C-alpha atoms as a PDB file:
ATOM      1  CA  MET A   1       4.896   0.107  -2.504  1.00  0.00           C
ATOM      2  CA  LYS A   2       2.682  -1.599  -5.048  1.00  0.00           C
ATOM      3  CA  LYS A   3       1.425   0.574  -7.854  1.00  0.00           C
ATOM      4  CA  ASN A   4      -2.267   1.309  -7.497  1.00  0.00           C
ATOM      5  CA  VAL A   5      -2.801   4.014 -10.123  1.00  0.00           C
ATOM      6  CA  GLY A   6      -3.423   2.682 -13.636  1.00  0.00           C
ATOM      7  CA  GLY A   7      -2.813   4.112 -17.104  1.00  0.00           C
ATOM      8  CA  ILE A   8      -5.807   6.377 -17.741  1.00  0.00           C
ATOM      9  CA  ASP A   9      -5.937   7.437 -14.092  1.00  0.00           C
ATOM     10  CA  ARG A  10      -2.230   8.354 -14.246  1.00  0.00           C
ATOM     11  CA  MET A  11      -2.657  10.391 -17.439  1.00  0.00           C
ATOM     12  CA  LEU A  12      -5.609  12.304 -15.982  1.00  0.00           C
ATOM     13  CA  ARG A  13      -3.750  13.009 -12.736  1.00  0.00           C
ATOM     14  CA  ILE A  14      -0.674  14.268 -14.582  1.00  0.00           C
ATOM     15  CA  ALA A  15      -2.763  16.477 -16.892  1.00  0.00           C
ATOM     16  CA  LEU A  16      -4.821  17.894 -14.015  1.00  0.00           C
ATOM     17  CA  GLY A  17      -1.693  18.537 -11.965  1.00  0.00           C
ATOM     18  CA  LEU A  18       0.039  20.352 -14.804  1.00  0.00           C
ATOM     19  CA  VAL A  19      -3.041  22.484 -15.529  1.00  0.00           C
ATOM     20  CA  LEU A  20      -3.437  23.488 -11.882  1.00  0.00           C
ATOM     21  CA  ILE A  21       0.260  24.279 -11.499  1.00  0.00           C
ATOM     22  CA  GLY A  22       0.179  26.302 -14.726  1.00  0.00           C
ATOM     23  CA  LEU A  23      -2.846  28.268 -13.525  1.00  0.00           C
ATOM     24  CA  ALA A  24      -1.159  28.918 -10.186  1.00  0.00           C
ATOM     25  CA  ALA A  25       2.084  29.993 -11.868  1.00  0.00           C
ATOM     26  CA  THR A  26       0.200  32.545 -13.967  1.00  0.00           C
ATOM     27  CA  ASN A  27      -1.733  33.690 -10.867  1.00  0.00           C
ATOM     28  CA  THR A  28      -5.051  32.787 -12.482  1.00  0.00           C
ATOM     29  CA  VAL A  29      -6.372  30.702  -9.583  1.00  0.00           C
ATOM     30  CA  GLY A  30      -4.146  31.930  -6.800  1.00  0.00           C
ATOM     31  CA  VAL A  31      -2.106  29.894  -4.369  1.00  0.00           C
ATOM     32  CA  TRP A  32      -4.640  27.016  -4.235  1.00  0.00           C
ATOM     33  CA  GLY A  33      -3.524  25.927  -7.694  1.00  0.00           C
ATOM     34  CA  TRP A  34      -0.288  24.611  -6.203  1.00  0.00           C
ATOM     35  CA  ILE A  35      -2.328  21.696  -4.850  1.00  0.00           C
ATOM     36  CA  GLY A  36      -1.783  20.375  -8.399  1.00  0.00           C
ATOM     37  CA  ILE A  37       1.537  19.047  -7.127  1.00  0.00           C
ATOM     38  CA  VAL A  38      -0.361  16.217  -5.398  1.00  0.00           C
ATOM     39  CA  PRO A  39      -2.086  14.691  -8.456  1.00  0.00           C
ATOM     40  CA  LEU A  40       1.064  15.287 -10.517  1.00  0.00           C
ATOM     41  CA  ALA A  41       3.224  13.430  -7.998  1.00  0.00           C
ATOM     42  CA  THR A  42       0.804  10.530  -7.567  1.00  0.00           C
ATOM     43  CA  GLY A  43       0.473  10.253 -11.332  1.00  0.00           C
ATOM     44  CA  LEU A  44       4.226  10.199 -11.874  1.00  0.00           C
ATOM     45  CA  ILE A  45       4.879   7.760  -9.025  1.00  0.00           C
ATOM     46  CA  GLY A  46       1.893   5.523  -9.795  1.00  0.00           C
ATOM     47  CA  TRP A  47       0.920   5.190  -6.135  1.00  0.00           C
ATOM     48  CA  CYS A  48      -1.836   6.983  -4.241  1.00  0.00           C
ATOM     49  CA  PRO A  49      -1.931   6.808  -0.407  1.00  0.00           C
ATOM     50  CA  PRO A  50      -5.757   7.049  -0.095  1.00  0.00           C
ATOM     51  CA  TYR A  51      -6.140   4.249  -2.652  1.00  0.00           C
ATOM     52  CA  ALA A  52      -3.767   2.125  -0.569  1.00  0.00           C
ATOM     53  CA  LEU A  53      -5.692   2.813   2.651  1.00  0.00           C
ATOM     54  CA  LEU A  54      -9.007   1.930   1.007  1.00  0.00           C
ATOM     55  CA  GLY A  55      -7.645  -1.066  -0.896  1.00  0.00           C
ATOM     56  CA  TRP A  56      -8.496   0.438  -4.285  1.00  0.00           C
ATOM     57  CA  SER A  57      -6.513   0.073  -7.476  1.00  0.00           C
ATOM     58  CA  THR A  58      -6.972   1.212 -11.065  1.00  0.00           C
ATOM     59  CA  CYS A  59      -4.053  -0.903 -12.297  1.00  0.00           C
ATOM     60  CA  SER A  60      -4.661  -3.961 -14.393  1.00  0.00           C
ATOM     61  CA  MET A  61      -3.683  -7.198 -12.645  1.00  0.00           C
ATOM     62  CA  LYS A  62      -0.639  -7.825 -14.856  1.00  0.00           C
ATOM     63  CA  ASN A  63       0.905  -4.385 -14.151  1.00  0.00           C
ATOM     64  CA  LYS A  64       1.023  -4.594 -10.338  1.00  0.00           C
ATOM     65  CA  THR A  65       4.621  -4.659  -9.109  1.00  0.00           C
END
């Protein structure tokens, strides 16, 4: 798996995931907030399946491993 999620993209995914999970945990947005696990996981792993399917990448060329 080559990383395809770059620095700013990763930070935004992690932040969004944590906010959604926090809102779900406090029952502010209901059960749909648990979808925040997806952006959190892709941000932590650095790989996004839809990006891979579409051939997209937000990584700089030197960081791809």
